[in-house]
Each structure stands twice: as C-alpha cells, then as structure tokens.
Amino acid sequence: MRTIRPTISTAARRGAIAAALLAAAFVSVQASSTAAPSAAESLGSVPAEVKEFITGGELLVELRDVYGLDASGERGTDFTDETETGEISRVFAWTDDYLAGIETEDVVRLLNEWIVPILVDDEPVGLATVWIQPETVLPELALFVPDRELALALSEVPDAAALVHDEGADAWFALQDETLTPLVAGRSGLESPAPLADVAIVPPADDAGEASTTSTGIPIAAGAVVLLLAAIALALLLPSRLGPARRARLAAAVPREAATREAAPAEGGSAAAGLRREQSLTRTGRQIKRALEREELAAERPAAKPGAARLGRMLKQRRSR
C-alpha cells in the first residue's frame, strides 16, 4: 500500500506533462480492442501521469473537496492523513460488436478510466475512478463510490487479466485466456470462473429509447368537447316551463367548467394555447346563452291573431295612397 502525501502541482509542471499525457492517452486508445489481453497489454495501461496523480497527493485533495466530510461532520468520508491507495487497474468494456452478437475477435475495449481502492487507516472505504479530462488532457477524479465491499472485491485484479466493467449486469469481471472470473457478480448470475463462450452477456439498457413524451392535452381537449356537447344537448332538451334565467344559468355552467379545465395547460403544454381554447369555449357559451334568451322571448311574446298579418298589410297599403 502507498500512503498519499498531499502536494500541489504547479502550473509549470502541468503544462510540461500535458503533451506527453495526450500522446499516451491516444496511443492507448489506438490499441483499445483486444480479444483476451495479455500480461503485457494490461501492465502498460497506466500512464505515468495517472499514477502520479493518484499517488502524489492530488487525488486526495479532490477526494476531500468533493467527497470529504461536510461542515456538520456527519455526511461524507473522513479522508485522514493515513489515507492510502490500492492497486491501480485500467478499465475495459465489451465491444459493440460483441454485445450485438456479431462474431468478432475483439471482445473488449479500453476505456478512459482507471479504478483504485481507497483505504483509511488500513481499512477500505470505497473505490475511486480517475479519467483523463479531454479538454485539459490532465487526470481528474471522475467518481468515488463509498462501498467497502466493492473496494475489497477490486483490490486484487490479476496482473495478466483485463478488468471488465459490465454495465448491463452491473458486474465486474477479470478476463484472462478466454476465461471470465466474476469479481462482482451483479446481475450476471455467474458465481465461478467460466469460459467466455458459455457466458451470456447482458447488453446495457438503451437510455435514448426509454424517454418518451406523452402529452395529456388530447384527453383534456376531448373531455372539454364532450362537456360542451352535453351542455348544448341539455339546453335543447330543457322543458319550456323553466324560466329564462334558470335555463341560461344551466346552459352556461357546463361550458364555463369545460373552459376552466381546458385553460390549464397539460404538463409540457403551451399556456397560450390553453388561453385560446378558453376564449373559444367562452364565446361558444355566450352564443348558446343568447340563443336561449331569444327563444324565451319568442315563447313569451303573445301569439298573433289569425289574419292579423293580412290586416296589417292592408292598412299599410291604404296609408301609402
């Protein structure tokens, strides 16, 4: 184990190693696909700059800043001066062709990730993931998982094996000579070493296909239309003995309620569209009300006597002579 001694890198040193780090990163990516990595491939996969970041104190500084104890001292991890790091391992992942079931010799690929167990007072407290930041081309802390069991499981990866992170099964494997050994079984169901050809690999979930937008605007609009039609039918079927005021109130009540519901935009909908629908329903309600009032006035007007229309025309003709 190595004790971390906090140090602060100068800007000059960072600038001097940037070019070398970029070259090392791209060289490792060019050789990223392999069938079953040999000892030579695994052993050369930790750039010197990444190792210096982890063991030279910068990792401890970032761990304390991001995941250390908060002001209350109750949340976070207490990274004391006795914080140590375990063995550094490069992380591999399954290739896209292998996940798709396409016959290929390249079953794993290198990732821009290195994991290292973190120990405090000789006790494992979690697992840190380091990556090379593409913009600055410098190592940075990417993630810290405060999981003691995970740190223990990944503390002794065989030197000649590739450490494979299987995201689909949330598992970690050691792949060596076409043999897959579960370090963290996850949902893989694998409990002991087995030939790679006999293991069913679970592809990771497609997050892009999970997001779907379902608008509730159509059901709300349909409900408003049904309420409006019910109001019209109710107004037409009301018995004539109801007074004009009562009939108008009944006819206008339902459209008003429909307009109120329609005006509230659905989640993710447009407030302007809801306002336009409200105004349209309000105008329709007023038209129904005026039609009912005209009907009531016509019903209450005294009926014309037989022949009254003909007599009126005759009187009009006489006046014009």
C-alpha atoms as a PDB file:
ATOM      1  CA  MET A   1       0.000   0.000   0.000  1.00  0.00           C
ATOM      2  CA  ARG A   2       1.104   3.580  -0.642  1.00  0.00           C
ATOM      3  CA  THR A   3       0.441   6.482   1.698  1.00  0.00           C
ATOM      4  CA  ILE A   4      -0.833   9.614  -0.066  1.00  0.00           C
ATOM      5  CA  ARG A   5       1.139  12.734   0.804  1.00  0.00           C
ATOM      6  CA  PRO A   6      -0.835  15.807  -0.266  1.00  0.00           C
ATOM      7  CA  THR A   7       1.092  18.010  -2.655  1.00  0.00           C
ATOM      8  CA  ILE A   8       0.061  20.781  -5.015  1.00  0.00           C
ATOM      9  CA  SER A   9       1.293  20.572  -8.639  1.00  0.00           C
ATOM     10  CA  THR A  10       2.460  23.801 -10.157  1.00  0.00           C
ATOM     11  CA  ALA A  11       1.076  25.167 -13.408  1.00  0.00           C
ATOM     12  CA  ALA A  12       4.514  24.762 -14.998  1.00  0.00           C
ATOM     13  CA  ARG A  13       4.626  21.061 -14.241  1.00  0.00           C
ATOM     14  CA  ARG A  14       1.095  20.572 -15.558  1.00  0.00           C
ATOM     15  CA  GLY A  15       1.978  22.307 -18.791  1.00  0.00           C
ATOM     16  CA  ALA A  16       5.149  20.247 -19.230  1.00  0.00           C
ATOM     17  CA  ILE A  17       3.366  16.905 -18.916  1.00  0.00           C
ATOM     18  CA  ALA A  18       0.258  17.797 -20.921  1.00  0.00           C
ATOM     19  CA  ALA A  19       1.720  16.857 -24.321  1.00  0.00           C
ATOM     20  CA  ALA A  20       3.155  13.580 -23.064  1.00  0.00           C
ATOM     21  CA  LEU A  21      -0.128  12.671 -21.378  1.00  0.00           C
ATOM     22  CA  LEU A  22      -2.118  13.368 -24.533  1.00  0.00           C
ATOM     23  CA  ALA A  23       0.206  11.147 -26.548  1.00  0.00           C
ATOM     24  CA  ALA A  24      -0.076   8.335 -24.005  1.00  0.00           C
ATOM     25  CA  ALA A  25      -3.863   8.555 -23.964  1.00  0.00           C
ATOM     26  CA  PHE A  26      -4.208   8.391 -27.731  1.00  0.00           C
ATOM     27  CA  VAL A  27      -1.707   5.569 -28.064  1.00  0.00           C
ATOM     28  CA  SER A  28      -3.691   3.516 -25.554  1.00  0.00           C
ATOM     29  CA  VAL A  29      -6.958   4.227 -27.389  1.00  0.00           C
ATOM     30  CA  GLN A  30      -5.445   3.085 -30.709  1.00  0.00           C
ATOM     31  CA  ALA A  31      -4.785  -0.304 -29.124  1.00  0.00           C
ATOM     32  CA  SER A  32      -8.100  -0.406 -27.294  1.00  0.00           C
ATOM     33  CA  SER A  33      -9.676  -3.509 -28.877  1.00  0.00           C
ATOM     34  CA  THR A  34      -8.402  -6.951 -27.955  1.00  0.00           C
ATOM     35  CA  ALA A  35      -9.688 -10.498 -27.603  1.00  0.00           C
ATOM     36  CA  ALA A  36      -8.111 -11.516 -24.310  1.00  0.00           C
ATOM     37  CA  PRO A  37      -5.447  -9.034 -23.127  1.00  0.00           C
ATOM     38  CA  SER A  38      -2.094 -10.489 -22.274  1.00  0.00           C
ATOM     39  CA  ALA A  39       0.048  -9.501 -19.351  1.00  0.00           C
ATOM     40  CA  ALA A  40       1.978  -7.033 -21.496  1.00  0.00           C
ATOM     41  CA  GLU A  41      -1.217  -5.260 -22.593  1.00  0.00           C
ATOM     42  CA  SER A  42      -2.526  -4.901 -19.044  1.00  0.00           C
ATOM     43  CA  LEU A  43       0.784  -3.921 -17.492  1.00  0.00           C
ATOM     44  CA  GLY A  44       1.437  -0.902 -19.709  1.00  0.00           C
ATOM     45  CA  SER A  45      -2.046   0.602 -19.456  1.00  0.00           C
ATOM     46  CA  VAL A  46      -1.473   3.049 -16.572  1.00  0.00           C
ATOM     47  CA  PRO A  47       0.237   6.266 -17.797  1.00  0.00           C
ATOM     48  CA  ALA A  48       2.854   7.715 -15.501  1.00  0.00           C
ATOM     49  CA  GLU A  49       0.827  10.915 -15.119  1.00  0.00           C
ATOM     50  CA  VAL A  50      -2.216   8.983 -13.902  1.00  0.00           C
ATOM     51  CA  LYS A  51      -0.066   7.103 -11.418  1.00  0.00           C
ATOM     52  CA  GLU A  52       1.486  10.358 -10.185  1.00  0.00           C
ATOM     53  CA  PHE A  53      -1.969  11.947  -9.807  1.00  0.00           C
ATOM     54  CA  ILE A  54      -3.164   9.044  -7.682  1.00  0.00           C
ATOM     55  CA  THR A  55      -0.105   8.538  -5.512  1.00  0.00           C
ATOM     56  CA  GLY A  56       1.291  12.073  -5.413  1.00  0.00           C
ATOM     57  CA  GLY A  57      -1.482  13.701  -3.385  1.00  0.00           C
ATOM     58  CA  GLU A  58      -3.728  15.371  -5.971  1.00  0.00           C
ATOM     59  CA  LEU A  59      -6.307  12.588  -5.770  1.00  0.00           C
ATOM     60  CA  LEU A  60      -6.547  13.052  -2.002  1.00  0.00           C
ATOM     61  CA  VAL A  61      -7.107  16.789  -2.448  1.00  0.00           C
ATOM     62  CA  GLU A  62     -10.013  16.184  -4.837  1.00  0.00           C
ATOM     63  CA  LEU A  63     -11.466  13.412  -2.667  1.00  0.00           C
ATOM     64  CA  ARG A  64     -11.550  15.761   0.316  1.00  0.00           C
ATOM     65  CA  ASP A  65     -13.010  18.625  -1.718  1.00  0.00           C
ATOM     66  CA  VAL A  66     -15.832  16.616  -3.300  1.00  0.00           C
ATOM     67  CA  TYR A  67     -16.497  13.616  -1.066  1.00  0.00           C
ATOM     68  CA  GLY A  68     -14.996  14.628   2.278  1.00  0.00           C
ATOM     69  CA  LEU A  69     -16.830  15.470   5.475  1.00  0.00           C
ATOM     70  CA  ASP A  70     -19.244  18.395   5.294  1.00  0.00           C
ATOM     71  CA  ALA A  71     -19.477  21.235   7.806  1.00  0.00           C
ATOM     72  CA  SER A  72     -21.635  19.151  10.139  1.00  0.00           C
ATOM     73  CA  GLY A  73     -19.102  16.313  10.129  1.00  0.00           C
ATOM     74  CA  GLU A  74     -21.927  13.807   9.645  1.00  0.00           C
ATOM     75  CA  ARG A  75     -22.015  13.359   5.865  1.00  0.00           C
ATOM     76  CA  GLY A  76     -19.134  12.346   3.637  1.00  0.00           C
ATOM     77  CA  THR A  77     -15.947  10.345   4.167  1.00  0.00           C
ATOM     78  CA  ASP A  78     -13.179  11.329   6.550  1.00  0.00           C
ATOM     79  CA  PHE A  79     -10.045  11.123   4.412  1.00  0.00           C
ATOM     80  CA  THR A  80      -7.371  11.405   7.083  1.00  0.00           C
ATOM     81  CA  ASP A  81      -3.623  11.783   6.603  1.00  0.00           C
ATOM     82  CA  GLU A  82      -3.448   7.981   6.766  1.00  0.00           C
ATOM     83  CA  THR A  83      -5.382   7.615   3.517  1.00  0.00           C
ATOM     84  CA  GLU A  84      -3.798   5.076   1.197  1.00  0.00           C
ATOM     85  CA  THR A  85      -4.430   3.746  -2.296  1.00  0.00           C
ATOM     86  CA  GLY A  86      -4.552   0.174  -3.513  1.00  0.00           C
ATOM     87  CA  GLU A  87      -3.521  -1.206  -6.891  1.00  0.00           C
ATOM     88  CA  ILE A  88      -4.427   0.855  -9.958  1.00  0.00           C
ATOM     89  CA  SER A  89      -6.295  -1.001 -12.701  1.00  0.00           C
ATOM     90  CA  ARG A  90      -7.273   0.085 -16.208  1.00  0.00           C
ATOM     91  CA  VAL A  91     -10.942  -0.500 -17.010  1.00  0.00           C
ATOM     92  CA  PHE A  92     -12.187  -2.414 -20.061  1.00  0.00           C
ATOM     93  CA  ALA A  93     -15.701  -2.756 -21.530  1.00  0.00           C
ATOM     94  CA  TRP A  94     -17.360  -5.087 -24.033  1.00  0.00           C
ATOM     95  CA  THR A  95     -17.118  -4.016 -27.670  1.00  0.00           C
ATOM     96  CA  ASP A  96     -20.297  -3.049 -29.520  1.00  0.00           C
ATOM     97  CA  ASP A  97     -19.927  -5.973 -31.950  1.00  0.00           C
ATOM     98  CA  TYR A  98     -19.634  -8.474 -29.121  1.00  0.00           C
ATOM     99  CA  LEU A  99     -22.697  -7.058 -27.368  1.00  0.00           C
ATOM    100  CA  ALA A 100     -24.631  -7.207 -30.658  1.00  0.00           C
ATOM    101  CA  GLY A 101     -23.845 -10.910 -31.024  1.00  0.00           C
ATOM    102  CA  ILE A 102     -21.553 -10.376 -34.027  1.00  0.00           C
ATOM    103  CA  GLU A 103     -18.717 -12.888 -34.239  1.00  0.00           C
ATOM    104  CA  THR A 104     -15.533 -10.979 -33.509  1.00  0.00           C
ATOM    105  CA  GLU A 105     -12.096 -11.490 -32.023  1.00  0.00           C
ATOM    106  CA  ASP A 106     -12.225  -8.106 -30.299  1.00  0.00           C
ATOM    107  CA  VAL A 107     -14.483  -8.704 -27.339  1.00  0.00           C
ATOM    108  CA  VAL A 108     -13.264  -5.894 -25.049  1.00  0.00           C
ATOM    109  CA  ARG A 109     -12.001  -2.347 -25.482  1.00  0.00           C
ATOM    110  CA  LEU A 110     -10.040   0.044 -23.273  1.00  0.00           C
ATOM    111  CA  LEU A 111     -11.849   2.863 -21.522  1.00  0.00           C
ATOM    112  CA  ASN A 112     -10.547   6.240 -20.425  1.00  0.00           C
ATOM    113  CA  GLU A 113     -10.904   5.077 -16.813  1.00  0.00           C
ATOM    114  CA  TRP A 114      -8.701   3.775 -14.029  1.00  0.00           C
ATOM    115  CA  ILE A 115     -10.021   2.472 -10.712  1.00  0.00           C
ATOM    116  CA  VAL A 116      -8.195   2.411  -7.393  1.00  0.00           C
ATOM    117  CA  PRO A 117      -9.395   1.223  -3.963  1.00  0.00           C
ATOM    118  CA  ILE A 118      -9.120   3.845  -1.196  1.00  0.00           C
ATOM    119  CA  LEU A 119      -8.149   2.851   2.336  1.00  0.00           C
ATOM    120  CA  VAL A 120      -8.243   4.900   5.516  1.00  0.00           C
ATOM    121  CA  ASP A 121      -6.288   3.560   8.500  1.00  0.00           C
ATOM    122  CA  ASP A 122      -5.736   0.318   6.552  1.00  0.00           C
ATOM    123  CA  GLU A 123      -9.487  -0.174   6.099  1.00  0.00           C
ATOM    124  CA  PRO A 124     -11.093   0.035   2.624  1.00  0.00           C
ATOM    125  CA  VAL A 125     -13.666   2.832   2.418  1.00  0.00           C
ATOM    126  CA  GLY A 126     -14.530   2.948  -1.277  1.00  0.00           C
ATOM    127  CA  LEU A 127     -13.476   2.914  -4.902  1.00  0.00           C
ATOM    128  CA  ALA A 128     -12.195   5.935  -6.844  1.00  0.00           C
ATOM    129  CA  THR A 129     -12.361   6.281 -10.627  1.00  0.00           C
ATOM    130  CA  VAL A 130      -9.872   8.530 -12.405  1.00  0.00           C
ATOM    131  CA  TRP A 131     -10.019   9.670 -16.022  1.00  0.00           C
ATOM    132  CA  ILE A 132      -8.114  11.977 -18.368  1.00  0.00           C
ATOM    133  CA  GLN A 133     -10.121  15.132 -18.906  1.00  0.00           C
ATOM    134  CA  PRO A 134     -10.276  15.621 -22.702  1.00  0.00           C
ATOM    135  CA  GLU A 135     -10.117  19.440 -22.604  1.00  0.00           C
ATOM    136  CA  THR A 136      -7.223  19.847 -20.171  1.00  0.00           C
ATOM    137  CA  VAL A 137      -5.622  16.464 -21.018  1.00  0.00           C
ATOM    138  CA  LEU A 138      -4.933  16.018 -17.311  1.00  0.00           C
ATOM    139  CA  PRO A 139      -6.011  13.307 -14.860  1.00  0.00           C
ATOM    140  CA  GLU A 140      -9.040  14.092 -12.690  1.00  0.00           C
ATOM    141  CA  LEU A 141     -11.231  12.349 -10.152  1.00  0.00           C
ATOM    142  CA  ALA A 142     -14.326  11.146 -12.019  1.00  0.00           C
ATOM    143  CA  LEU A 143     -16.199   9.265  -9.287  1.00  0.00           C
ATOM    144  CA  PHE A 144     -15.918   7.930  -5.772  1.00  0.00           C
ATOM    145  CA  VAL A 145     -18.184   5.129  -4.560  1.00  0.00           C
ATOM    146  CA  PRO A 146     -18.122   4.753  -0.756  1.00  0.00           C
ATOM    147  CA  ASP A 147     -18.557   0.971  -0.895  1.00  0.00           C
ATOM    148  CA  ARG A 148     -16.220  -1.129   1.260  1.00  0.00           C
ATOM    149  CA  GLU A 149     -17.185  -4.438  -0.355  1.00  0.00           C
ATOM    150  CA  LEU A 150     -16.611  -3.084  -3.862  1.00  0.00           C
ATOM    151  CA  ALA A 151     -13.178  -1.802  -2.880  1.00  0.00           C
ATOM    152  CA  LEU A 152     -12.270  -5.190  -1.433  1.00  0.00           C
ATOM    153  CA  ALA A 153     -13.514  -7.082  -4.491  1.00  0.00           C
ATOM    154  CA  LEU A 154     -11.475  -4.961  -6.920  1.00  0.00           C
ATOM    155  CA  SER A 155      -8.338  -4.675  -4.797  1.00  0.00           C
ATOM    156  CA  GLU A 156      -6.584  -7.718  -6.279  1.00  0.00           C
ATOM    157  CA  VAL A 157      -7.088  -7.886 -10.034  1.00  0.00           C
ATOM    158  CA  PRO A 158      -4.671 -10.399 -11.603  1.00  0.00           C
ATOM    159  CA  ASP A 159      -1.798  -8.682 -13.423  1.00  0.00           C
ATOM    160  CA  ALA A 160      -2.392 -10.585 -16.659  1.00  0.00           C
ATOM    161  CA  ALA A 161      -6.157 -10.063 -16.687  1.00  0.00           C
ATOM    162  CA  ALA A 162      -8.342  -7.321 -18.101  1.00  0.00           C
ATOM    163  CA  LEU A 163     -10.725  -5.727 -15.601  1.00  0.00           C
ATOM    164  CA  VAL A 164     -14.064  -5.619 -17.438  1.00  0.00           C
ATOM    165  CA  HIS A 165     -16.912  -3.427 -16.211  1.00  0.00           C
ATOM    166  CA  ASP A 166     -20.171  -4.962 -17.427  1.00  0.00           C
ATOM    167  CA  GLU A 167     -22.706  -2.130 -17.162  1.00  0.00           C
ATOM    168  CA  GLY A 168     -25.598  -4.274 -18.406  1.00  0.00           C
ATOM    169  CA  ALA A 169     -25.245  -6.681 -15.483  1.00  0.00           C
ATOM    170  CA  ASP A 170     -23.742  -4.123 -13.065  1.00  0.00           C
ATOM    171  CA  ALA A 171     -20.838  -6.553 -12.687  1.00  0.00           C
ATOM    172  CA  TRP A 172     -17.032  -6.596 -12.712  1.00  0.00           C
ATOM    173  CA  PHE A 173     -15.051  -9.446 -14.294  1.00  0.00           C
ATOM    174  CA  ALA A 174     -11.426 -10.465 -14.720  1.00  0.00           C
ATOM    175  CA  LEU A 175     -10.892 -11.732 -18.270  1.00  0.00           C
ATOM    176  CA  GLN A 176      -7.807 -13.858 -18.903  1.00  0.00           C
ATOM    177  CA  ASP A 177      -7.139 -16.535 -21.541  1.00  0.00           C
ATOM    178  CA  GLU A 178     -10.800 -16.639 -22.639  1.00  0.00           C
ATOM    179  CA  THR A 179     -11.876 -17.304 -19.033  1.00  0.00           C
ATOM    180  CA  LEU A 180     -14.214 -14.957 -17.223  1.00  0.00           C
ATOM    181  CA  THR A 181     -13.914 -14.697 -13.444  1.00  0.00           C
ATOM    182  CA  PRO A 182     -16.591 -12.761 -11.508  1.00  0.00           C
ATOM    183  CA  LEU A 183     -15.188 -10.231  -9.064  1.00  0.00           C
ATOM    184  CA  VAL A 184     -18.581  -8.558  -8.503  1.00  0.00           C
ATOM    185  CA  ALA A 185     -21.301 -10.816  -9.907  1.00  0.00           C
ATOM    186  CA  GLY A 186     -24.031  -8.167 -10.049  1.00  0.00           C
ATOM    187  CA  ARG A 187     -26.973  -9.457 -12.124  1.00  0.00           C
ATOM    188  CA  SER A 188     -24.826 -11.718 -14.297  1.00  0.00           C
ATOM    189  CA  GLY A 189     -25.647 -14.901 -12.369  1.00  0.00           C
ATOM    190  CA  LEU A 190     -22.019 -16.010 -12.749  1.00  0.00           C
ATOM    191  CA  GLU A 191     -20.622 -17.346  -9.480  1.00  0.00           C
ATOM    192  CA  SER A 192     -17.397 -19.049 -10.560  1.00  0.00           C
ATOM    193  CA  PRO A 193     -14.889 -18.840 -13.430  1.00  0.00           C
ATOM    194  CA  ALA A 194     -16.311 -19.974 -16.744  1.00  0.00           C
ATOM    195  CA  PRO A 195     -15.332 -19.977 -20.431  1.00  0.00           C
ATOM    196  CA  LEU A 196     -16.256 -16.682 -22.058  1.00  0.00           C
ATOM    197  CA  ALA A 197     -18.141 -18.518 -24.818  1.00  0.00           C
ATOM    198  CA  ASP A 198     -20.515 -20.012 -22.222  1.00  0.00           C
ATOM    199  CA  VAL A 199     -21.438 -16.709 -20.548  1.00  0.00           C
ATOM    200  CA  ALA A 200     -24.498 -14.757 -21.710  1.00  0.00           C
ATOM    201  CA  ILE A 201     -23.612 -11.066 -21.733  1.00  0.00           C
ATOM    202  CA  VAL A 202     -26.413  -8.619 -20.904  1.00  0.00           C
ATOM    203  CA  PRO A 203     -26.325  -5.510 -23.163  1.00  0.00           C
ATOM    204  CA  PRO A 204     -26.662  -2.201 -21.280  1.00  0.00           C
ATOM    205  CA  ALA A 205     -30.065  -0.514 -21.374  1.00  0.00           C
ATOM    206  CA  ASP A 206     -30.635   1.981 -24.176  1.00  0.00           C
ATOM    207  CA  ASP A 207     -31.339   5.197 -22.286  1.00  0.00           C
ATOM    208  CA  ALA A 208     -32.249   7.039 -25.513  1.00  0.00           C
ATOM    209  CA  GLY A 209     -35.177   4.707 -26.140  1.00  0.00           C
ATOM    210  CA  GLU A 210     -36.557   4.968 -22.630  1.00  0.00           C
ATOM    211  CA  ALA A 211     -37.529   8.633 -22.794  1.00  0.00           C
ATOM    212  CA  SER A 212     -40.913   9.103 -24.405  1.00  0.00           C
ATOM    213  CA  THR A 213     -43.128  12.168 -24.290  1.00  0.00           C
ATOM    214  CA  THR A 214     -46.821  11.545 -23.771  1.00  0.00           C
ATOM    215  CA  SER A 215     -48.989  14.629 -23.896  1.00  0.00           C
ATOM    216  CA  THR A 216     -52.172  14.808 -21.848  1.00  0.00           C
ATOM    217  CA  GLY A 217     -53.507  17.659 -23.941  1.00  0.00           C
ATOM    218  CA  ILE A 218     -55.554  15.428 -26.257  1.00  0.00           C
ATOM    219  CA  PRO A 219     -57.536  13.676 -23.472  1.00  0.00           C
ATOM    220  CA  ILE A 220     -58.235  17.032 -21.799  1.00  0.00           C
ATOM    221  CA  ALA A 221     -59.399  18.583 -25.075  1.00  0.00           C
ATOM    222  CA  ALA A 222     -61.630  15.589 -25.771  1.00  0.00           C
ATOM    223  CA  GLY A 223     -63.167  15.855 -22.318  1.00  0.00           C
ATOM    224  CA  ALA A 224     -63.870  19.555 -22.849  1.00  0.00           C
ATOM    225  CA  VAL A 225     -65.598  18.848 -26.162  1.00  0.00           C
ATOM    226  CA  VAL A 226     -67.768  16.158 -24.541  1.00  0.00           C
ATOM    227  CA  LEU A 227     -68.797  18.566 -21.788  1.00  0.00           C
ATOM    228  CA  LEU A 228     -69.615  21.253 -24.328  1.00  0.00           C
ATOM    229  CA  LEU A 229     -71.790  18.904 -26.396  1.00  0.00           C
ATOM    230  CA  ALA A 230     -73.541  17.777 -23.209  1.00  0.00           C
ATOM    231  CA  ALA A 231     -74.309  21.417 -22.387  1.00  0.00           C
ATOM    232  CA  ILE A 232     -75.810  22.007 -25.836  1.00  0.00           C
ATOM    233  CA  ALA A 233     -77.939  18.870 -25.608  1.00  0.00           C
ATOM    234  CA  LEU A 234     -79.084  19.822 -22.131  1.00  0.00           C
ATOM    235  CA  ALA A 235     -80.074  23.290 -23.306  1.00  0.00           C
ATOM    236  CA  LEU A 236     -82.095  21.932 -26.233  1.00  0.00           C
ATOM    237  CA  LEU A 237     -83.894  19.319 -24.151  1.00  0.00           C
ATOM    238  CA  LEU A 238     -84.882  21.574 -21.236  1.00  0.00           C
ATOM    239  CA  PRO A 239     -88.652  21.804 -20.785  1.00  0.00           C
ATOM    240  CA  SER A 240     -90.163  25.176 -21.695  1.00  0.00           C
ATOM    241  CA  ARG A 241     -91.623  25.657 -18.250  1.00  0.00           C
ATOM    242  CA  LEU A 242     -88.194  26.579 -16.884  1.00  0.00           C
ATOM    243  CA  GLY A 243     -87.720  30.313 -16.649  1.00  0.00           C
ATOM    244  CA  PRO A 244     -85.237  32.065 -18.980  1.00  0.00           C
ATOM    245  CA  ALA A 245     -82.790  32.927 -16.199  1.00  0.00           C
ATOM    246  CA  ARG A 246     -82.614  29.377 -14.904  1.00  0.00           C
ATOM    247  CA  ARG A 247     -82.189  27.919 -18.374  1.00  0.00           C
ATOM    248  CA  ALA A 248     -79.416  30.378 -19.178  1.00  0.00           C
ATOM    249  CA  ARG A 249     -77.585  29.557 -15.935  1.00  0.00           C
ATOM    250  CA  LEU A 250     -77.768  25.813 -16.621  1.00  0.00           C
ATOM    251  CA  ALA A 251     -76.624  26.264 -20.193  1.00  0.00           C
ATOM    252  CA  ALA A 252     -73.646  28.447 -19.266  1.00  0.00           C
ATOM    253  CA  ALA A 253     -72.474  26.455 -16.220  1.00  0.00           C
ATOM    254  CA  VAL A 254     -71.025  23.445 -18.048  1.00  0.00           C
ATOM    255  CA  PRO A 255     -69.183  25.413 -20.766  1.00  0.00           C
ATOM    256  CA  ARG A 256     -67.621  27.531 -18.030  1.00  0.00           C
ATOM    257  CA  GLU A 257     -66.373  24.415 -16.244  1.00  0.00           C
ATOM    258  CA  ALA A 258     -65.056  22.980 -19.501  1.00  0.00           C
ATOM    259  CA  ALA A 259     -63.261  26.230 -20.265  1.00  0.00           C
ATOM    260  CA  THR A 260     -61.630  26.226 -16.832  1.00  0.00           C
ATOM    261  CA  ARG A 261     -60.307  22.702 -17.274  1.00  0.00           C
ATOM    262  CA  GLU A 262     -59.166  23.332 -20.819  1.00  0.00           C
ATOM    263  CA  ALA A 263     -57.385  26.539 -19.879  1.00  0.00           C
ATOM    264  CA  ALA A 264     -54.979  24.675 -17.579  1.00  0.00           C
ATOM    265  CA  PRO A 265     -52.220  23.565 -19.984  1.00  0.00           C
ATOM    266  CA  ALA A 266     -51.087  19.957 -19.818  1.00  0.00           C
ATOM    267  CA  GLU A 267     -47.633  19.203 -18.480  1.00  0.00           C
ATOM    268  CA  GLY A 268     -45.195  20.432 -21.075  1.00  0.00           C
ATOM    269  CA  GLY A 269     -48.023  22.181 -22.976  1.00  0.00           C
ATOM    270  CA  SER A 270     -48.481  25.805 -24.017  1.00  0.00           C
ATOM    271  CA  ALA A 271     -50.177  28.371 -21.777  1.00  0.00           C
ATOM    272  CA  ALA A 272     -51.038  30.467 -24.845  1.00  0.00           C
ATOM    273  CA  ALA A 273     -52.815  27.534 -26.470  1.00  0.00           C
ATOM    274  CA  GLY A 274     -54.787  26.922 -23.278  1.00  0.00           C
ATOM    275  CA  LEU A 275     -55.842  30.585 -23.181  1.00  0.00           C
ATOM    276  CA  ARG A 276     -57.032  30.449 -26.804  1.00  0.00           C
ATOM    277  CA  ARG A 277     -59.101  27.340 -26.091  1.00  0.00           C
ATOM    278  CA  GLU A 278     -60.612  29.030 -23.021  1.00  0.00           C
ATOM    279  CA  GLN A 279     -61.616  32.086 -25.042  1.00  0.00           C
ATOM    280  CA  SER A 280     -63.164  29.922 -27.757  1.00  0.00           C
ATOM    281  CA  LEU A 281     -65.245  27.951 -25.273  1.00  0.00           C
ATOM    282  CA  THR A 282     -66.315  31.145 -23.515  1.00  0.00           C
ATOM    283  CA  ARG A 283     -67.558  32.635 -26.805  1.00  0.00           C
ATOM    284  CA  THR A 284     -69.468  29.435 -27.549  1.00  0.00           C
ATOM    285  CA  GLY A 285     -71.104  29.557 -24.132  1.00  0.00           C
ATOM    286  CA  ARG A 286     -72.198  33.177 -24.683  1.00  0.00           C
ATOM    287  CA  GLN A 287     -73.689  32.272 -28.080  1.00  0.00           C
ATOM    288  CA  ILE A 288     -75.697  29.450 -26.540  1.00  0.00           C
ATOM    289  CA  LYS A 289     -76.920  31.783 -23.802  1.00  0.00           C
ATOM    290  CA  ARG A 290     -78.070  34.432 -26.312  1.00  0.00           C
ATOM    291  CA  ALA A 291     -79.844  31.811 -28.431  1.00  0.00           C
ATOM    292  CA  LEU A 292     -81.724  30.553 -25.384  1.00  0.00           C
ATOM    293  CA  GLU A 293     -82.720  34.082 -24.402  1.00  0.00           C
ATOM    294  CA  ARG A 294     -84.076  34.778 -27.895  1.00  0.00           C
ATOM    295  CA  GLU A 295     -86.021  31.529 -27.739  1.00  0.00           C
ATOM    296  CA  GLU A 296     -87.531  32.518 -24.385  1.00  0.00           C
ATOM    297  CA  LEU A 297     -88.522  35.983 -25.633  1.00  0.00           C
ATOM    298  CA  ALA A 298     -90.179  34.475 -28.672  1.00  0.00           C
ATOM    299  CA  ALA A 299     -92.032  31.966 -26.494  1.00  0.00           C
ATOM    300  CA  GLU A 300     -93.342  34.702 -24.131  1.00  0.00           C
ATOM    301  CA  ARG A 301     -94.450  37.090 -26.935  1.00  0.00           C
ATOM    302  CA  PRO A 302     -98.291  36.972 -27.398  1.00  0.00           C
ATOM    303  CA  ALA A 303     -99.377  34.840 -30.290  1.00  0.00           C
ATOM    304  CA  ALA A 304    -100.597  36.769 -33.358  1.00  0.00           C
ATOM    305  CA  LYS A 305    -104.327  36.530 -34.125  1.00  0.00           C
ATOM    306  CA  PRO A 306    -105.420  34.788 -37.312  1.00  0.00           C
ATOM    307  CA  GLY A 307    -105.498  37.255 -40.208  1.00  0.00           C
ATOM    308  CA  ALA A 308    -103.516  39.873 -38.282  1.00  0.00           C
ATOM    309  CA  ALA A 309    -100.676  39.826 -40.772  1.00  0.00           C
ATOM    310  CA  ARG A 310    -103.066  40.332 -43.756  1.00  0.00           C
ATOM    311  CA  LEU A 311    -104.890  43.154 -41.983  1.00  0.00           C
ATOM    312  CA  GLY A 312    -101.622  44.882 -41.246  1.00  0.00           C
ATOM    313  CA  ARG A 313    -100.612  44.799 -44.904  1.00  0.00           C
ATOM    314  CA  MET A 314    -103.973  46.285 -45.972  1.00  0.00           C
ATOM    315  CA  LEU A 315    -103.649  49.189 -43.520  1.00  0.00           C
ATOM    316  CA  LYS A 316    -100.132  49.861 -44.740  1.00  0.00           C
ATOM    317  CA  GLN A 317    -101.313  49.989 -48.366  1.00  0.00           C
ATOM    318  CA  ARG A 318    -104.104  52.469 -47.525  1.00  0.00           C
ATOM    319  CA  ARG A 319    -101.685  54.812 -45.733  1.00  0.00           C
ATOM    320  CA  SER A 320     -99.418  54.884 -48.747  1.00  0.00           C
ATOM    321  CA  ARG A 321    -102.222  56.076 -51.081  1.00  0.00           C
END
